[in-house]
C-alpha atoms as a PDB file:
ATOM      1  CA  GLN A   1      -9.740  -6.052  11.634  1.00  0.00           C
ATOM      2  CA  VAL A   2      -9.418  -3.431   8.921  1.00  0.00           C
ATOM      3  CA  GLN A   3      -7.592  -4.137   5.674  1.00  0.00           C
ATOM      4  CA  LEU A   4      -6.269  -1.358   3.448  1.00  0.00           C
ATOM      5  CA  ALA A   5      -5.158  -2.009  -0.122  1.00  0.00           C
ATOM      6  CA  GLU A   6      -3.249   0.643  -2.062  1.00  0.00           C
ATOM      7  CA  SER A   7      -2.862   0.902  -5.806  1.00  0.00           C
ATOM      8  CA  GLY A   8      -1.616   3.359  -8.401  1.00  0.00           C
ATOM      9  CA  GLY A   9       2.085   3.769  -7.681  1.00  0.00           C
ATOM     10  CA  GLY A  10       4.738   3.641 -10.365  1.00  0.00           C
ATOM     11  CA  LEU A  11       7.413   5.513 -12.278  1.00  0.00           C
ATOM     12  CA  VAL A  12       6.736   8.998 -13.599  1.00  0.00           C
ATOM     13  CA  GLN A  13       8.862  11.782 -15.044  1.00  0.00           C
ATOM     14  CA  PRO A  14       9.345  15.063 -13.169  1.00  0.00           C
ATOM     15  CA  GLY A  15       6.328  17.283 -13.685  1.00  0.00           C
ATOM     16  CA  GLY A  16       4.052  14.318 -14.247  1.00  0.00           C
ATOM     17  CA  SER A  17       1.036  13.035 -12.331  1.00  0.00           C
ATOM     18  CA  LEU A  18      -0.060   9.902 -10.535  1.00  0.00           C
ATOM     19  CA  ARG A  19      -3.218   8.935  -8.701  1.00  0.00           C
ATOM     20  CA  LEU A  20      -3.086   6.647  -5.677  1.00  0.00           C
ATOM     21  CA  SER A  21      -6.115   4.820  -4.345  1.00  0.00           C
ATOM     22  CA  CYS A  22      -6.709   3.005  -1.084  1.00  0.00           C
ATOM     23  CA  ALA A  23      -9.663   0.708  -0.554  1.00  0.00           C
ATOM     24  CA  GLY A  24     -10.661  -0.246   2.964  1.00  0.00           C
ATOM     25  CA  SER A  25     -12.477  -3.434   3.942  1.00  0.00           C
ATOM     26  CA  GLY A  26     -13.181  -5.602   6.967  1.00  0.00           C
ATOM     27  CA  ALA A  27     -14.338  -4.311  10.353  1.00  0.00           C
ATOM     28  CA  ARG A  28     -16.542  -1.251  10.451  1.00  0.00           C
ATOM     29  CA  VAL A  29     -15.000   1.798  12.143  1.00  0.00           C
ATOM     30  CA  PRO A  30     -17.626   4.440  13.025  1.00  0.00           C
ATOM     31  CA  ILE A  31     -15.429   7.525  13.424  1.00  0.00           C
ATOM     32  CA  TYR A  32     -12.108   7.822  11.661  1.00  0.00           C
ATOM     33  CA  THR A  33      -9.770   9.802   9.502  1.00  0.00           C
ATOM     34  CA  MET A  34      -7.865   8.489   6.517  1.00  0.00           C
ATOM     35  CA  ALA A  35      -4.479   9.661   5.406  1.00  0.00           C
ATOM     36  CA  TRP A  36      -1.511   9.168   3.137  1.00  0.00           C
ATOM     37  CA  TYR A  37       1.988   9.007   4.566  1.00  0.00           C
ATOM     38  CA  ARG A  38       5.290   8.493   2.820  1.00  0.00           C
ATOM     39  CA  GLN A  39       8.662   7.133   3.771  1.00  0.00           C
ATOM     40  CA  THR A  40      12.130   7.059   2.240  1.00  0.00           C
ATOM     41  CA  PRO A  41      15.022   4.862   3.424  1.00  0.00           C
ATOM     42  CA  GLY A  42      16.554   6.084   6.655  1.00  0.00           C
ATOM     43  CA  LYS A  43      13.807   8.607   7.338  1.00  0.00           C
ATOM     44  CA  GLN A  44      10.704   8.590   9.487  1.00  0.00           C
ATOM     45  CA  ARG A  45       7.331   8.144   7.935  1.00  0.00           C
ATOM     46  CA  GLU A  46       5.778  11.561   7.308  1.00  0.00           C
ATOM     47  CA  LEU A  47       2.228  12.731   6.841  1.00  0.00           C
ATOM     48  CA  VAL A  48       1.353  13.833   3.323  1.00  0.00           C
ATOM     49  CA  ALA A  49      -2.356  14.578   3.735  1.00  0.00           C
ATOM     50  CA  ASP A  50      -5.328  13.459   5.773  1.00  0.00           C
ATOM     51  CA  ILE A  51      -9.073  13.757   5.446  1.00  0.00           C
ATOM     52  CA  THR A  52     -12.105  13.305   7.655  1.00  0.00           C
ATOM     53  CA  ARG A  53     -15.112  11.183   6.821  1.00  0.00           C
ATOM     54  CA  GLY A  54     -16.879  14.466   5.997  1.00  0.00           C
ATOM     55  CA  GLY A  55     -14.196  15.549   3.542  1.00  0.00           C
ATOM     56  CA  ILE A  56     -12.177  18.084   5.544  1.00  0.00           C
ATOM     57  CA  ALA A  57      -8.600  17.805   4.291  1.00  0.00           C
ATOM     58  CA  ASN A  58      -5.240  18.790   5.707  1.00  0.00           C
ATOM     59  CA  TYR A  59      -1.960  18.893   3.770  1.00  0.00           C
ATOM     60  CA  ALA A  60       1.732  18.951   4.547  1.00  0.00           C
ATOM     61  CA  ASP A  61       3.325  22.191   3.378  1.00  0.00           C
ATOM     62  CA  PHE A  62       5.516  20.373   0.864  1.00  0.00           C
ATOM     63  CA  VAL A  63       2.499  19.148  -1.152  1.00  0.00           C
ATOM     64  CA  LYS A  64       0.102  22.075  -0.865  1.00  0.00           C
ATOM     65  CA  GLY A  65      -1.116  23.136  -4.272  1.00  0.00           C
ATOM     66  CA  ARG A  66       0.174  19.956  -5.935  1.00  0.00           C
ATOM     67  CA  PHE A  67      -1.612  17.046  -4.243  1.00  0.00           C
ATOM     68  CA  THR A  68      -5.316  16.567  -3.585  1.00  0.00           C
ATOM     69  CA  ILE A  69      -6.774  14.013  -1.182  1.00  0.00           C
ATOM     70  CA  SER A  70     -10.376  12.902  -1.554  1.00  0.00           C
ATOM     71  CA  ILE A  71     -12.678  10.357   0.031  1.00  0.00           C
ATOM     72  CA  GLU A  72     -15.383   8.601  -1.910  1.00  0.00           C
ATOM     73  CA  SER A  73     -18.999   8.875  -0.840  1.00  0.00           C
ATOM     74  CA  GLY A  74     -19.121   5.389   0.687  1.00  0.00           C
ATOM     75  CA  GLY A  75     -16.209   6.314   2.919  1.00  0.00           C
ATOM     76  CA  ASN A  76     -14.231   3.187   2.126  1.00  0.00           C
ATOM     77  CA  THR A  77     -11.861   4.582  -0.491  1.00  0.00           C
ATOM     78  CA  VAL A  78      -9.419   7.463  -0.269  1.00  0.00           C
ATOM     79  CA  ASN A  79      -7.530   8.836  -3.246  1.00  0.00           C
ATOM     80  CA  LEU A  80      -4.443  10.983  -3.626  1.00  0.00           C
ATOM     81  CA  GLN A  81      -4.071  12.925  -6.861  1.00  0.00           C
ATOM     82  CA  MET A  82      -0.437  13.937  -7.211  1.00  0.00           C
ATOM     83  CA  ASN A  83       0.451  16.594  -9.772  1.00  0.00           C
ATOM     84  CA  ARG A  84       3.724  18.357 -10.639  1.00  0.00           C
ATOM     85  CA  LEU A  85       5.679  15.501  -9.105  1.00  0.00           C
ATOM     86  CA  GLN A  86       9.331  16.087  -8.306  1.00  0.00           C
ATOM     87  CA  PRO A  87      12.196  13.678  -7.614  1.00  0.00           C
ATOM     88  CA  GLU A  88      11.964  14.487  -3.903  1.00  0.00           C
ATOM     89  CA  ASP A  89       8.452  13.002  -3.923  1.00  0.00           C
ATOM     90  CA  THR A  90      10.003   9.583  -4.527  1.00  0.00           C
ATOM     91  CA  ALA A  91       8.990   7.360  -1.609  1.00  0.00           C
ATOM     92  CA  VAL A  92       6.848   4.468  -0.518  1.00  0.00           C
ATOM     93  CA  TYR A  93       3.367   5.844   0.071  1.00  0.00           C
ATOM     94  CA  TYR A  94       1.222   4.283   2.794  1.00  0.00           C
ATOM     95  CA  CYS A  95      -2.496   4.506   3.353  1.00  0.00           C
ATOM     96  CA  ASN A  96      -3.624   4.959   6.953  1.00  0.00           C
ATOM     97  CA  LEU A  97      -6.931   4.718   8.783  1.00  0.00           C
ATOM     98  CA  HIS A  98      -6.990   6.227  12.274  1.00  0.00           C
ATOM     99  CA  ASN A  99      -9.775   5.140  14.613  1.00  0.00           C
ATOM    100  CA  LEU A 100     -10.710   8.287  16.513  1.00  0.00           C
ATOM    101  CA  ILE A 101     -12.374   6.317  19.332  1.00  0.00           C
ATOM    102  CA  SER A 102      -9.747   3.688  20.099  1.00  0.00           C
ATOM    103  CA  GLY A 103      -6.713   5.559  18.782  1.00  0.00           C
ATOM    104  CA  TRP A 104      -5.666   2.533  16.737  1.00  0.00           C
ATOM    105  CA  ASP A 105      -3.951   2.933  13.402  1.00  0.00           C
ATOM    106  CA  TYR A 106      -4.275   0.596  10.429  1.00  0.00           C
ATOM    107  CA  TRP A 107      -1.807   0.618   7.549  1.00  0.00           C
ATOM    108  CA  GLY A 108      -1.688  -0.585   3.988  1.00  0.00           C
ATOM    109  CA  GLN A 109       1.292  -2.436   2.591  1.00  0.00           C
ATOM    110  CA  GLY A 110       2.627   0.619   0.765  1.00  0.00           C
ATOM    111  CA  THR A 111       3.051   1.492  -2.885  1.00  0.00           C
ATOM    112  CA  GLN A 112       6.254   2.765  -4.496  1.00  0.00           C
ATOM    113  CA  VAL A 113       6.250   6.118  -6.260  1.00  0.00           C
ATOM    114  CA  THR A 114       9.387   6.959  -8.219  1.00  0.00           C
ATOM    115  CA  VAL A 115       9.876  10.315  -9.919  1.00  0.00           C
ATOM    116  CA  SER A 116      12.796  10.201 -12.302  1.00  0.00           C
ATOM    117  CA  SER A 117      13.749  11.149 -15.825  1.00  0.00           C
END
């Protein structure tokens, strides 16, 4: 079993920055991608950004140029640097690990990001 633990959420003013981190532990998954999703009440969870083990990143259009996803060299930690935050970025952010062999998804517990003045 894989465990994912997020940290770094909080309250920030519009235009500010936050950095989210997600540390993975437990079972070893040989081939995977990691990602950040977000969800607001009444809406489906949406992809923010994902990244391969080798560092190839993909972003949703609504965060391009503002957010940067990165994966640390050990491959167990993924970060999301969020700049120029806006109120519409307010959501619970979830870390995801997708096993490319089995197709299974693992999720963290989520961390709240609130952008408000």
